[in-house]
C-alpha atoms as a PDB file:
ATOM      1  CA  MET A   1      -3.721  -7.733 -17.273  1.00  0.00           C
ATOM      2  CA  LYS A   2      -0.156  -7.443 -18.577  1.00  0.00           C
ATOM      3  CA  SER A   3       2.636  -8.743 -16.380  1.00  0.00           C
ATOM      4  CA  ASP A   4       6.338  -9.406 -16.191  1.00  0.00           C
ATOM      5  CA  VAL A   5       6.145 -11.791 -13.192  1.00  0.00           C
ATOM      6  CA  ILE A   6       4.435 -15.112 -12.496  1.00  0.00           C
ATOM      7  CA  PRO A   7       0.830 -14.398 -11.370  1.00  0.00           C
ATOM      8  CA  THR A   8       0.918 -16.184  -8.029  1.00  0.00           C
ATOM      9  CA  PHE A   9       0.588 -15.048  -4.453  1.00  0.00           C
ATOM     10  CA  ALA A  10       0.068 -18.449  -2.839  1.00  0.00           C
ATOM     11  CA  GLN A  11      -2.121 -20.205  -5.471  1.00  0.00           C
ATOM     12  CA  GLY A  12      -3.068 -17.459  -7.916  1.00  0.00           C
ATOM     13  CA  GLU A  13      -6.265 -18.695  -9.589  1.00  0.00           C
ATOM     14  CA  ALA A  14      -7.627 -20.293  -6.418  1.00  0.00           C
ATOM     15  CA  LEU A  15      -6.880 -17.118  -4.472  1.00  0.00           C
ATOM     16  CA  ILE A  16      -8.794 -15.081  -7.049  1.00  0.00           C
ATOM     17  CA  GLU A  17     -11.719 -17.491  -6.720  1.00  0.00           C
ATOM     18  CA  LEU A  18     -11.554 -17.118  -2.938  1.00  0.00           C
ATOM     19  CA  ALA A  19     -11.644 -13.322  -3.237  1.00  0.00           C
ATOM     20  CA  GLN A  20     -14.655 -13.542  -5.552  1.00  0.00           C
ATOM     21  CA  ALA A  21     -16.419 -15.884  -3.124  1.00  0.00           C
ATOM     22  CA  LEU A  22     -15.785 -13.427  -0.296  1.00  0.00           C
ATOM     23  CA  GLN A  23     -17.233 -10.599  -2.386  1.00  0.00           C
ATOM     24  CA  HIS A  24     -20.310 -12.711  -3.189  1.00  0.00           C
ATOM     25  CA  ALA A  25     -20.728 -13.463   0.543  1.00  0.00           C
ATOM     26  CA  GLY A  26     -20.743  -9.726   1.341  1.00  0.00           C
ATOM     27  CA  TYR A  27     -17.382  -9.760   3.102  1.00  0.00           C
ATOM     28  CA  HIS A  28     -16.209  -6.330   4.288  1.00  0.00           C
ATOM     29  CA  PHE A  29     -13.286  -5.458   6.519  1.00  0.00           C
ATOM     30  CA  VAL A  30     -11.599  -2.115   7.210  1.00  0.00           C
ATOM     31  CA  THR A  31      -8.000  -2.655   8.274  1.00  0.00           C
ATOM     32  CA  VAL A  32      -6.771  -0.727  11.307  1.00  0.00           C
ATOM     33  CA  SER A  33      -3.234   0.135  12.378  1.00  0.00           C
ATOM     34  CA  PRO A  34      -1.043  -2.660  13.809  1.00  0.00           C
ATOM     35  CA  ALA A  35      -1.239  -1.023  17.248  1.00  0.00           C
ATOM     36  CA  SER A  36      -5.048  -0.992  17.181  1.00  0.00           C
ATOM     37  CA  HIS A  37      -5.147  -4.524  15.804  1.00  0.00           C
ATOM     38  CA  GLN A  38      -2.964  -5.730  18.664  1.00  0.00           C
ATOM     39  CA  ARG A  39      -5.270  -4.119  21.208  1.00  0.00           C
ATOM     40  CA  VAL A  40      -8.370  -5.721  19.681  1.00  0.00           C
ATOM     41  CA  VAL A  41      -6.990  -9.254  19.511  1.00  0.00           C
ATOM     42  CA  ALA A  42      -5.498  -8.944  23.022  1.00  0.00           C
ATOM     43  CA  ARG A  43      -8.962  -8.579  24.555  1.00  0.00           C
ATOM     44  CA  ALA A  44      -9.235 -12.362  24.682  1.00  0.00           C
ATOM     45  CA  GLU A  45      -6.359 -14.666  25.583  1.00  0.00           C
ATOM     46  CA  LYS A  46      -7.247 -17.038  22.769  1.00  0.00           C
ATOM     47  CA  THR A  47     -10.113 -16.591  20.347  1.00  0.00           C
ATOM     48  CA  TRP A  48     -10.792 -18.994  17.495  1.00  0.00           C
ATOM     49  CA  ALA A  49     -12.232 -17.725  14.214  1.00  0.00           C
ATOM     50  CA  HIS A  50     -15.998 -17.951  13.935  1.00  0.00           C
ATOM     51  CA  SER A  51     -16.482 -15.750  10.859  1.00  0.00           C
ATOM     52  CA  LEU A  52     -14.772 -14.904   7.595  1.00  0.00           C
ATOM     53  CA  ARG A  53     -13.829 -11.528   9.087  1.00  0.00           C
ATOM     54  CA  ASP A  54     -12.101 -13.367  11.935  1.00  0.00           C
ATOM     55  CA  ILE A  55     -10.021 -15.416   9.478  1.00  0.00           C
ATOM     56  CA  PHE A  56      -9.255 -12.860   6.784  1.00  0.00           C
ATOM     57  CA  GLY A  57      -9.520  -9.609   8.726  1.00  0.00           C
ATOM     58  CA  TRP A  58      -8.414 -10.217  12.301  1.00  0.00           C
ATOM     59  CA  SER A  59      -6.035 -13.068  11.364  1.00  0.00           C
ATOM     60  CA  ARG A  60      -7.487 -15.362  14.030  1.00  0.00           C
ATOM     61  CA  PRO A  61      -6.794 -19.119  13.877  1.00  0.00           C
ATOM     62  CA  LEU A  62      -9.490 -21.596  12.865  1.00  0.00           C
ATOM     63  CA  ARG A  63     -10.329 -25.170  13.800  1.00  0.00           C
ATOM     64  CA  GLU A  64     -11.427 -27.080  10.739  1.00  0.00           C
ATOM     65  CA  GLN A  65     -14.073 -29.134  12.583  1.00  0.00           C
ATOM     66  CA  GLU A  66     -15.966 -25.889  13.258  1.00  0.00           C
ATOM     67  CA  TRP A  67     -16.082 -24.791   9.625  1.00  0.00           C
ATOM     68  CA  ASN A  68     -18.379 -25.308   6.677  1.00  0.00           C
ATOM     69  CA  ALA A  69     -16.801 -27.889   4.351  1.00  0.00           C
ATOM     70  CA  GLU A  70     -17.344 -25.752   1.233  1.00  0.00           C
ATOM     71  CA  TRP A  71     -15.559 -22.730   2.700  1.00  0.00           C
ATOM     72  CA  LEU A  72     -12.805 -24.885   4.136  1.00  0.00           C
ATOM     73  CA  ALA A  73     -12.209 -26.407   0.689  1.00  0.00           C
ATOM     74  CA  ARG A  74     -11.963 -22.947  -0.883  1.00  0.00           C
ATOM     75  CA  ILE A  75      -9.505 -21.776   1.738  1.00  0.00           C
ATOM     76  CA  ARG A  76      -7.383 -24.919   1.416  1.00  0.00           C
ATOM     77  CA  ALA A  77      -7.357 -24.640  -2.380  1.00  0.00           C
ATOM     78  CA  ALA A  78      -5.938 -21.133  -2.100  1.00  0.00           C
ATOM     79  CA  GLY A  79      -2.899 -22.553  -0.300  1.00  0.00           C
ATOM     80  CA  VAL A  80      -2.927 -19.907   2.416  1.00  0.00           C
ATOM     81  CA  LEU A  81      -3.301 -22.030   5.571  1.00  0.00           C
ATOM     82  CA  VAL A  82      -0.397 -22.512   7.934  1.00  0.00           C
ATOM     83  CA  GLU A  83      -0.408 -24.578  11.128  1.00  0.00           C
ATOM     84  CA  HIS A  84      -1.040 -22.599  14.290  1.00  0.00           C
ATOM     85  CA  ASP A  85      -1.387 -23.848  17.872  1.00  0.00           C
ATOM     86  CA  GLY A  86      -3.437 -26.956  17.123  1.00  0.00           C
ATOM     87  CA  GLY A  87      -5.377 -25.288  14.303  1.00  0.00           C
ATOM     88  CA  TRP A  88      -4.776 -23.307  11.153  1.00  0.00           C
ATOM     89  CA  ARG A  89      -4.211 -19.674  10.307  1.00  0.00           C
ATOM     90  CA  SER A  90      -4.438 -17.765   7.032  1.00  0.00           C
ATOM     91  CA  ALA A  91      -1.193 -16.291   5.718  1.00  0.00           C
ATOM     92  CA  VAL A  92      -3.155 -13.576   3.908  1.00  0.00           C
ATOM     93  CA  ARG A  93      -5.796 -11.009   4.728  1.00  0.00           C
ATOM     94  CA  PHE A  94      -8.472  -9.328   2.621  1.00  0.00           C
ATOM     95  CA  SER A  95      -9.233  -5.638   3.099  1.00  0.00           C
ATOM     96  CA  SER A  96     -12.054  -3.521   1.714  1.00  0.00           C
ATOM     97  CA  LEU A  97     -11.500  -0.109   0.173  1.00  0.00           C
ATOM     98  CA  GLY A  98     -14.715   1.309  -1.233  1.00  0.00           C
ATOM     99  CA  GLU A  99     -16.097  -1.330  -3.577  1.00  0.00           C
ATOM    100  CA  ALA A 100     -12.677  -2.918  -4.083  1.00  0.00           C
ATOM    101  CA  LEU A 101     -11.168  -5.878  -2.242  1.00  0.00           C
ATOM    102  CA  TYR A 102      -7.425  -6.398  -1.753  1.00  0.00           C
ATOM    103  CA  VAL A 103      -5.389  -9.388  -0.655  1.00  0.00           C
ATOM    104  CA  HIS A 104      -2.226  -8.719   1.349  1.00  0.00           C
ATOM    105  CA  SER A 105      -0.133 -10.234   4.138  1.00  0.00           C
ATOM    106  CA  ALA A 106      -1.668 -11.439   7.387  1.00  0.00           C
ATOM    107  CA  TYR A 107      -1.148  -9.753  10.749  1.00  0.00           C
ATOM    108  CA  PRO A 108       1.484  -9.413  12.113  1.00  0.00           C
ATOM    109  CA  THR A 109       3.545  -8.268   9.131  1.00  0.00           C
ATOM    110  CA  GLU A 110       6.898  -9.408  10.483  1.00  0.00           C
ATOM    111  CA  ALA A 111       8.515 -10.842   7.339  1.00  0.00           C
ATOM    112  CA  ALA A 112      10.908  -8.668   5.363  1.00  0.00           C
ATOM    113  CA  ASP A 113       8.755  -9.059   2.226  1.00  0.00           C
ATOM    114  CA  SER A 114       5.363  -8.541   3.884  1.00  0.00           C
ATOM    115  CA  VAL A 115       2.737  -6.811   1.744  1.00  0.00           C
ATOM    116  CA  PHE A 116       1.234  -4.119   3.953  1.00  0.00           C
ATOM    117  CA  PHE A 117      -2.239  -2.565   3.941  1.00  0.00           C
ATOM    118  CA  GLY A 118      -3.589  -0.181   6.593  1.00  0.00           C
ATOM    119  CA  PRO A 119      -4.777   3.334   7.427  1.00  0.00           C
ATOM    120  CA  ASP A 120      -2.016   4.851   5.269  1.00  0.00           C
ATOM    121  CA  THR A 121      -3.525   2.990   2.309  1.00  0.00           C
ATOM    122  CA  TYR A 122      -6.906   4.623   2.824  1.00  0.00           C
ATOM    123  CA  ARG A 123      -5.371   8.094   3.115  1.00  0.00           C
ATOM    124  CA  TYR A 124      -3.194   7.473   0.062  1.00  0.00           C
ATOM    125  CA  VAL A 125      -6.067   6.381  -2.173  1.00  0.00           C
ATOM    126  CA  ARG A 126      -8.195   9.261  -0.897  1.00  0.00           C
ATOM    127  CA  ALA A 127      -5.459  11.687  -2.000  1.00  0.00           C
ATOM    128  CA  ILE A 128      -5.266  10.066  -5.445  1.00  0.00           C
ATOM    129  CA  GLU A 129      -9.026  10.145  -5.926  1.00  0.00           C
ATOM    130  CA  ALA A 130      -9.210  13.791  -4.837  1.00  0.00           C
ATOM    131  CA  HIS A 131      -6.528  14.716  -7.366  1.00  0.00           C
ATOM    132  CA  LEU A 132      -8.262  12.851 -10.198  1.00  0.00           C
ATOM    133  CA  ALA A 133     -11.585  14.474  -9.332  1.00  0.00           C
ATOM    134  CA  GLN A 134     -10.115  17.975  -9.326  1.00  0.00           C
ATOM    135  CA  SER A 135      -7.691  17.783 -12.256  1.00  0.00           C
ATOM    136  CA  ALA A 136      -8.767  18.251 -15.862  1.00  0.00           C
ATOM    137  CA  ALA A 137      -5.368  17.135 -17.198  1.00  0.00           C
ATOM    138  CA  PRO A 138      -5.527  13.903 -19.237  1.00  0.00           C
ATOM    139  CA  VAL A 139      -3.905  10.782 -17.791  1.00  0.00           C
ATOM    140  CA  LEU A 140      -2.713   8.428 -20.507  1.00  0.00           C
ATOM    141  CA  ARG A 141       0.373   7.067 -18.707  1.00  0.00           C
ATOM    142  CA  ALA A 142       0.562   6.677 -14.941  1.00  0.00           C
ATOM    143  CA  VAL A 143       2.846   4.870 -12.521  1.00  0.00           C
ATOM    144  CA  ASP A 144       2.650   3.824  -8.871  1.00  0.00           C
ATOM    145  CA  ILE A 145       6.155   3.595  -7.355  1.00  0.00           C
ATOM    146  CA  GLY A 146       6.334   0.981  -4.589  1.00  0.00           C
ATOM    147  CA  CYS A 147       2.855  -0.322  -5.346  1.00  0.00           C
ATOM    148  CA  GLY A 148       2.547  -2.779  -2.428  1.00  0.00           C
ATOM    149  CA  ALA A 149      -0.793  -4.565  -2.800  1.00  0.00           C
ATOM    150  CA  GLY A 150      -1.658  -2.271  -5.718  1.00  0.00           C
ATOM    151  CA  PRO A 151      -4.406   0.044  -4.379  1.00  0.00           C
ATOM    152  CA  GLY A 152      -2.828   3.190  -5.838  1.00  0.00           C
ATOM    153  CA  ALA A 153      -2.380   1.810  -9.331  1.00  0.00           C
ATOM    154  CA  ILE A 154      -5.742   0.033  -9.299  1.00  0.00           C
ATOM    155  CA  SER A 155      -7.586   3.144  -8.105  1.00  0.00           C
ATOM    156  CA  ILE A 156      -6.104   5.122 -11.008  1.00  0.00           C
ATOM    157  CA  ALA A 157      -6.897   2.335 -13.463  1.00  0.00           C
ATOM    158  CA  ARG A 158     -10.519   2.145 -12.299  1.00  0.00           C
ATOM    159  CA  ARG A 159     -11.017   5.890 -12.769  1.00  0.00           C
ATOM    160  CA  ARG A 160      -8.948   6.250 -15.937  1.00  0.00           C
ATOM    161  CA  PRO A 161      -9.669   3.012 -17.835  1.00  0.00           C
ATOM    162  CA  ASP A 162      -7.990   4.335 -21.009  1.00  0.00           C
ATOM    163  CA  ALA A 163      -4.693   4.938 -19.200  1.00  0.00           C
ATOM    164  CA  GLU A 164      -1.737   2.577 -19.124  1.00  0.00           C
ATOM    165  CA  VAL A 165      -0.949   2.268 -15.412  1.00  0.00           C
ATOM    166  CA  TYR A 166       2.318   0.765 -14.207  1.00  0.00           C
ATOM    167  CA  ALA A 167       2.552  -0.846 -10.761  1.00  0.00           C
ATOM    168  CA  LEU A 168       6.215  -1.012  -9.694  1.00  0.00           C
ATOM    169  CA  ASP A 169       7.894  -2.575  -6.682  1.00  0.00           C
ATOM    170  CA  ILE A 170      11.110  -4.332  -5.677  1.00  0.00           C
ATOM    171  CA  ASN A 171       9.131  -6.859  -3.600  1.00  0.00           C
ATOM    172  CA  THR A 172       8.102  -9.908  -5.636  1.00  0.00           C
ATOM    173  CA  ALA A 173       5.366 -10.792  -3.138  1.00  0.00           C
ATOM    174  CA  ALA A 174       3.878  -7.309  -3.570  1.00  0.00           C
ATOM    175  CA  LEU A 175       3.911  -7.654  -7.351  1.00  0.00           C
ATOM    176  CA  ARG A 176       2.139 -10.994  -7.165  1.00  0.00           C
ATOM    177  CA  ALA A 177      -0.486  -9.594  -4.804  1.00  0.00           C
ATOM    178  CA  THR A 178      -1.007  -6.641  -7.159  1.00  0.00           C
ATOM    179  CA  GLU A 179      -1.544  -8.981 -10.092  1.00  0.00           C
ATOM    180  CA  ILE A 180      -4.254 -10.836  -8.207  1.00  0.00           C
ATOM    181  CA  ASN A 181      -5.873  -7.631  -6.957  1.00  0.00           C
ATOM    182  CA  ALA A 182      -5.911  -6.136 -10.458  1.00  0.00           C
ATOM    183  CA  LEU A 183      -7.749  -9.203 -11.737  1.00  0.00           C
ATOM    184  CA  VAL A 184     -10.179  -9.287  -8.811  1.00  0.00           C
ATOM    185  CA  ASN A 185     -10.957  -5.586  -9.301  1.00  0.00           C
ATOM    186  CA  HIS A 186     -11.262  -5.727 -13.104  1.00  0.00           C
ATOM    187  CA  THR A 187      -8.422  -3.408 -14.092  1.00  0.00           C
ATOM    188  CA  PRO A 188      -6.757  -4.980 -17.168  1.00  0.00           C
ATOM    189  CA  ASN A 189      -4.887  -1.721 -17.846  1.00  0.00           C
ATOM    190  CA  VAL A 190      -2.521  -2.305 -14.890  1.00  0.00           C
ATOM    191  CA  VAL A 191       1.008  -3.336 -15.919  1.00  0.00           C
ATOM    192  CA  VAL A 192       2.943  -5.033 -13.103  1.00  0.00           C
ATOM    193  CA  ARG A 193       6.730  -4.770 -13.220  1.00  0.00           C
ATOM    194  CA  GLU A 194       9.668  -5.280 -10.876  1.00  0.00           C
ATOM    195  CA  SER A 195      11.530  -1.981 -10.605  1.00  0.00           C
ATOM    196  CA  ASN A 196      13.738   0.038  -8.281  1.00  0.00           C
ATOM    197  CA  LEU A 197      11.977   3.414  -8.409  1.00  0.00           C
ATOM    198  CA  LEU A 198      11.496   4.123 -12.146  1.00  0.00           C
ATOM    199  CA  SER A 199      14.441   2.100 -13.441  1.00  0.00           C
ATOM    200  CA  ALA A 200      12.351  -0.482 -15.345  1.00  0.00           C
ATOM    201  CA  VAL A 201      10.106   1.964 -17.233  1.00  0.00           C
ATOM    202  CA  THR A 202      10.881   4.532 -19.882  1.00  0.00           C
ATOM    203  CA  GLY A 203       9.409   7.834 -21.002  1.00  0.00           C
ATOM    204  CA  GLN A 204       7.332  10.467 -19.273  1.00  0.00           C
ATOM    205  CA  PHE A 205       4.161  10.133 -17.225  1.00  0.00           C
ATOM    206  CA  ASP A 206       1.044  12.217 -16.771  1.00  0.00           C
ATOM    207  CA  LEU A 207       0.704  10.999 -13.187  1.00  0.00           C
ATOM    208  CA  ILE A 208       3.281   9.544 -10.804  1.00  0.00           C
ATOM    209  CA  VAL A 209       2.064   8.419  -7.383  1.00  0.00           C
ATOM    210  CA  ALA A 210       3.888   6.898  -4.441  1.00  0.00           C
ATOM    211  CA  ASN A 211       3.265   5.849  -0.859  1.00  0.00           C
ATOM    212  CA  PRO A 212       6.818   4.913   0.161  1.00  0.00           C
ATOM    213  CA  PRO A 213       8.046   3.428   3.438  1.00  0.00           C
ATOM    214  CA  TYR A 214       8.981   6.294   5.760  1.00  0.00           C
ATOM    215  CA  LEU A 215       9.826   4.878   9.181  1.00  0.00           C
ATOM    216  CA  ASN A 216      13.165   3.977  10.724  1.00  0.00           C
ATOM    217  CA  ASP A 217      12.568   0.249  11.091  1.00  0.00           C
ATOM    218  CA  PRO A 218      15.251  -1.736  12.994  1.00  0.00           C
ATOM    219  CA  GLY A 219      14.320  -4.838  10.993  1.00  0.00           C
ATOM    220  CA  GLU A 220      14.585  -2.892   7.720  1.00  0.00           C
ATOM    221  CA  ARG A 221      11.424  -4.495   6.340  1.00  0.00           C
ATOM    222  CA  THR A 222      10.919  -3.450   2.730  1.00  0.00           C
ATOM    223  CA  TYR A 223       7.416  -2.075   3.184  1.00  0.00           C
ATOM    224  CA  ARG A 224       8.306  -0.079   6.311  1.00  0.00           C
ATOM    225  CA  HIS A 225      11.937   1.081   6.324  1.00  0.00           C
ATOM    226  CA  GLY A 226      12.474   4.430   4.622  1.00  0.00           C
ATOM    227  CA  GLY A 227      16.212   4.711   5.221  1.00  0.00           C
ATOM    228  CA  GLY A 228      18.199   7.440   6.885  1.00  0.00           C
ATOM    229  CA  GLU A 229      18.079   8.598  10.470  1.00  0.00           C
ATOM    230  CA  LEU A 230      14.345   9.317  10.446  1.00  0.00           C
ATOM    231  CA  GLY A 231      13.163   7.230   7.482  1.00  0.00           C
ATOM    232  CA  ALA A 232      13.024   9.987   4.830  1.00  0.00           C
ATOM    233  CA  ASP A 233      15.559   8.721   2.284  1.00  0.00           C
ATOM    234  CA  VAL A 234      13.158   6.785   0.029  1.00  0.00           C
ATOM    235  CA  SER A 235      10.692   9.685  -0.102  1.00  0.00           C
ATOM    236  CA  LEU A 236      13.466  12.066  -1.144  1.00  0.00           C
ATOM    237  CA  ALA A 237      14.766   9.587  -3.737  1.00  0.00           C
ATOM    238  CA  ILE A 238      11.288   9.309  -5.267  1.00  0.00           C
ATOM    239  CA  LEU A 239      10.954  13.094  -5.446  1.00  0.00           C
ATOM    240  CA  GLU A 240      14.267  13.453  -7.249  1.00  0.00           C
ATOM    241  CA  ALA A 241      13.654  10.497  -9.596  1.00  0.00           C
ATOM    242  CA  ALA A 242      10.112  11.512 -10.523  1.00  0.00           C
ATOM    243  CA  LEU A 243      10.545  15.190 -11.425  1.00  0.00           C
ATOM    244  CA  PRO A 244      12.483  14.618 -14.683  1.00  0.00           C
ATOM    245  CA  ARG A 245       9.902  11.995 -15.747  1.00  0.00           C
ATOM    246  CA  LEU A 246       6.840  14.222 -15.541  1.00  0.00           C
ATOM    247  CA  ALA A 247       5.189  15.084 -18.837  1.00  0.00           C
ATOM    248  CA  PRO A 248       4.034  18.690 -19.395  1.00  0.00           C
ATOM    249  CA  ASN A 249       1.139  19.256 -16.966  1.00  0.00           C
ATOM    250  CA  GLY A 250       2.031  15.927 -15.355  1.00  0.00           C
ATOM    251  CA  THR A 251       1.795  15.566 -11.575  1.00  0.00           C
ATOM    252  CA  LEU A 252       3.741  13.764  -8.890  1.00  0.00           C
ATOM    253  CA  LEU A 253       1.534  12.869  -5.916  1.00  0.00           C
ATOM    254  CA  LEU A 254       3.685  11.747  -2.993  1.00  0.00           C
ATOM    255  CA  TYR A 255       1.920  10.549   0.160  1.00  0.00           C
ATOM    256  CA  THR A 256       4.403   9.920   2.954  1.00  0.00           C
ATOM    257  CA  GLY A 257       5.222  10.472   6.606  1.00  0.00           C
ATOM    258  CA  VAL A 258       7.698  12.826   8.210  1.00  0.00           C
ATOM    259  CA  ALA A 259       9.150  13.099  11.700  1.00  0.00           C
ATOM    260  CA  ILE A 260       8.724  16.578  13.150  1.00  0.00           C
ATOM    261  CA  VAL A 261      11.708  17.616  15.286  1.00  0.00           C
ATOM    262  CA  ASP A 262      11.514  20.863  17.303  1.00  0.00           C
ATOM    263  CA  GLY A 263       8.617  21.974  15.110  1.00  0.00           C
ATOM    264  CA  ALA A 264      10.636  21.553  11.903  1.00  0.00           C
ATOM    265  CA  ASP A 265       9.632  19.461   8.886  1.00  0.00           C
ATOM    266  CA  ALA A 266      12.810  18.472   7.027  1.00  0.00           C
ATOM    267  CA  LEU A 267      10.948  16.996   4.033  1.00  0.00           C
ATOM    268  CA  SER A 268       9.070  20.244   3.408  1.00  0.00           C
ATOM    269  CA  ALA A 269      12.316  22.188   3.604  1.00  0.00           C
ATOM    270  CA  HIS A 270      14.033  19.821   1.180  1.00  0.00           C
ATOM    271  CA  ALA A 271      11.139  19.994  -1.293  1.00  0.00           C
ATOM    272  CA  ARG A 272      11.200  23.788  -1.199  1.00  0.00           C
ATOM    273  CA  GLN A 273      14.939  23.785  -1.876  1.00  0.00           C
ATOM    274  CA  ILE A 274      14.480  21.563  -4.938  1.00  0.00           C
ATOM    275  CA  LEU A 275      11.334  23.120  -6.377  1.00  0.00           C
ATOM    276  CA  GLU A 276      11.415  26.860  -5.806  1.00  0.00           C
ATOM    277  CA  GLY A 277      12.301  28.816  -8.909  1.00  0.00           C
ATOM    278  CA  LYS A 278      11.886  25.762 -11.174  1.00  0.00           C
ATOM    279  CA  GLU A 279       9.249  24.895 -13.789  1.00  0.00           C
ATOM    280  CA  PHE A 280       6.888  23.379 -11.212  1.00  0.00           C
ATOM    281  CA  ARG A 281       3.915  24.479  -9.182  1.00  0.00           C
ATOM    282  CA  TRP A 282       3.477  22.584  -5.964  1.00  0.00           C
ATOM    283  CA  ARG A 283       1.612  22.277  -2.697  1.00  0.00           C
ATOM    284  CA  TYR A 284       2.536  20.549   0.519  1.00  0.00           C
ATOM    285  CA  GLU A 285      -0.213  19.545   2.937  1.00  0.00           C
ATOM    286  CA  GLU A 286      -0.144  17.907   6.344  1.00  0.00           C
ATOM    287  CA  VAL A 287      -3.155  15.579   6.196  1.00  0.00           C
ATOM    288  CA  ASP A 288      -2.782  13.979   9.638  1.00  0.00           C
ATOM    289  CA  PRO A 289      -0.640  15.575  12.351  1.00  0.00           C
ATOM    290  CA  ASP A 290      -0.127  12.487  14.509  1.00  0.00           C
ATOM    291  CA  ILE A 291       0.385   8.938  13.211  1.00  0.00           C
ATOM    292  CA  PHE A 292       2.388   5.970  14.548  1.00  0.00           C
ATOM    293  CA  GLY A 293       2.629   7.604  17.966  1.00  0.00           C
ATOM    294  CA  GLU A 294       4.025   4.401  19.438  1.00  0.00           C
ATOM    295  CA  GLU A 295       7.245   5.017  17.467  1.00  0.00           C
ATOM    296  CA  LEU A 296       7.994   7.989  19.716  1.00  0.00           C
ATOM    297  CA  GLU A 297       8.858   5.489  22.449  1.00  0.00           C
ATOM    298  CA  THR A 298      11.763   4.097  20.384  1.00  0.00           C
ATOM    299  CA  GLN A 299      15.343   5.332  20.387  1.00  0.00           C
ATOM    300  CA  ALA A 300      15.191   6.255  16.705  1.00  0.00           C
ATOM    301  CA  TYR A 301      12.529   8.888  17.416  1.00  0.00           C
ATOM    302  CA  ALA A 302      13.859  10.135  20.754  1.00  0.00           C
ATOM    303  CA  LYS A 303      14.131  13.683  19.363  1.00  0.00           C
ATOM    304  CA  ALA A 304      10.863  13.701  17.398  1.00  0.00           C
ATOM    305  CA  GLU A 305       7.732  15.290  18.831  1.00  0.00           C
ATOM    306  CA  ARG A 306       5.369  13.648  16.341  1.00  0.00           C
ATOM    307  CA  ILE A 307       5.146  11.859  13.003  1.00  0.00           C
ATOM    308  CA  ALA A 308       2.824  13.480  10.467  1.00  0.00           C
ATOM    309  CA  ALA A 309       1.227  12.190   7.258  1.00  0.00           C
ATOM    310  CA  VAL A 310       1.808  14.608   4.386  1.00  0.00           C
ATOM    311  CA  VAL A 311       0.968  14.931   0.698  1.00  0.00           C
ATOM    312  CA  LEU A 312       3.299  16.656  -1.746  1.00  0.00           C
ATOM    313  CA  ALA A 313       1.742  17.417  -5.137  1.00  0.00           C
ATOM    314  CA  VAL A 314       4.100  18.716  -7.854  1.00  0.00           C
ATOM    315  CA  THR A 315       2.928  19.629 -11.367  1.00  0.00           C
ATOM    316  CA  ARG A 316       5.242  20.405 -14.284  1.00  0.00           C
ATOM    317  CA  MET A 317       4.120  23.582 -15.982  1.00  0.00           C
ATOM    318  CA  SER A 318       3.735  23.245 -19.752  1.00  0.00           C
END
């Protein structure tokens, strides 16, 4: 795998070996939303980890005297343990997506540079895979803007092994996680690069994908805060940056969220204003009408009636 950053997220090689050991042990964990995760772990006042899924899925603490020495040595070698309430806790999680396994930040993702993975990730990759299955257009150059843990870029690279696939992010921790995940999932055609939108890459692309942050986050965490009153600024910036970089028959696939206010979808209206009458064909689909419902209790979303997950697909006509 090609890279412009140091290949470490904790201890790189040891973390790769840990991921491979988990795969060999049949580890599988589907990551839920933070709200659901909180509800599950709150069922018991204090529960120590008794399985690999407890440690690397539910982010529960472990007591080393209760653990197999071989597994404890692997976990220690990866450099991911932090002290927690008389025991230890992993600073990373591992999530399953199909046959792939991804390392990312542990729950709760409170740090500004947390590397997020959750239900949005599954919907995002599903949208990418559906596009690749339906499109006959060749993909020789592709790019994932704001790659996070890398599932978008890696999914493209797995299905288009002859393509050069760039994974871009401004978060160094995300880039390091993507490097590890690309190696674990055998995608040497992923190129990891630090970049604000498309600033660090040149030329046109056959496929541009993005799953940007889209919430109004008071803490302005990189993976979550989309900017603007209702979190739409990054999504709009990606739309405007990507259109000039599409090759003939190239497609932008933007998976994002939008706050619906009085029945109106401002992102859809903005996309229509930009795209109608231009050299693009496009579709806009609401793929989930109600996500992050807990945000409606915050002041930022006092006027919103719901937050929807949407996919905007834009293709440049040749």
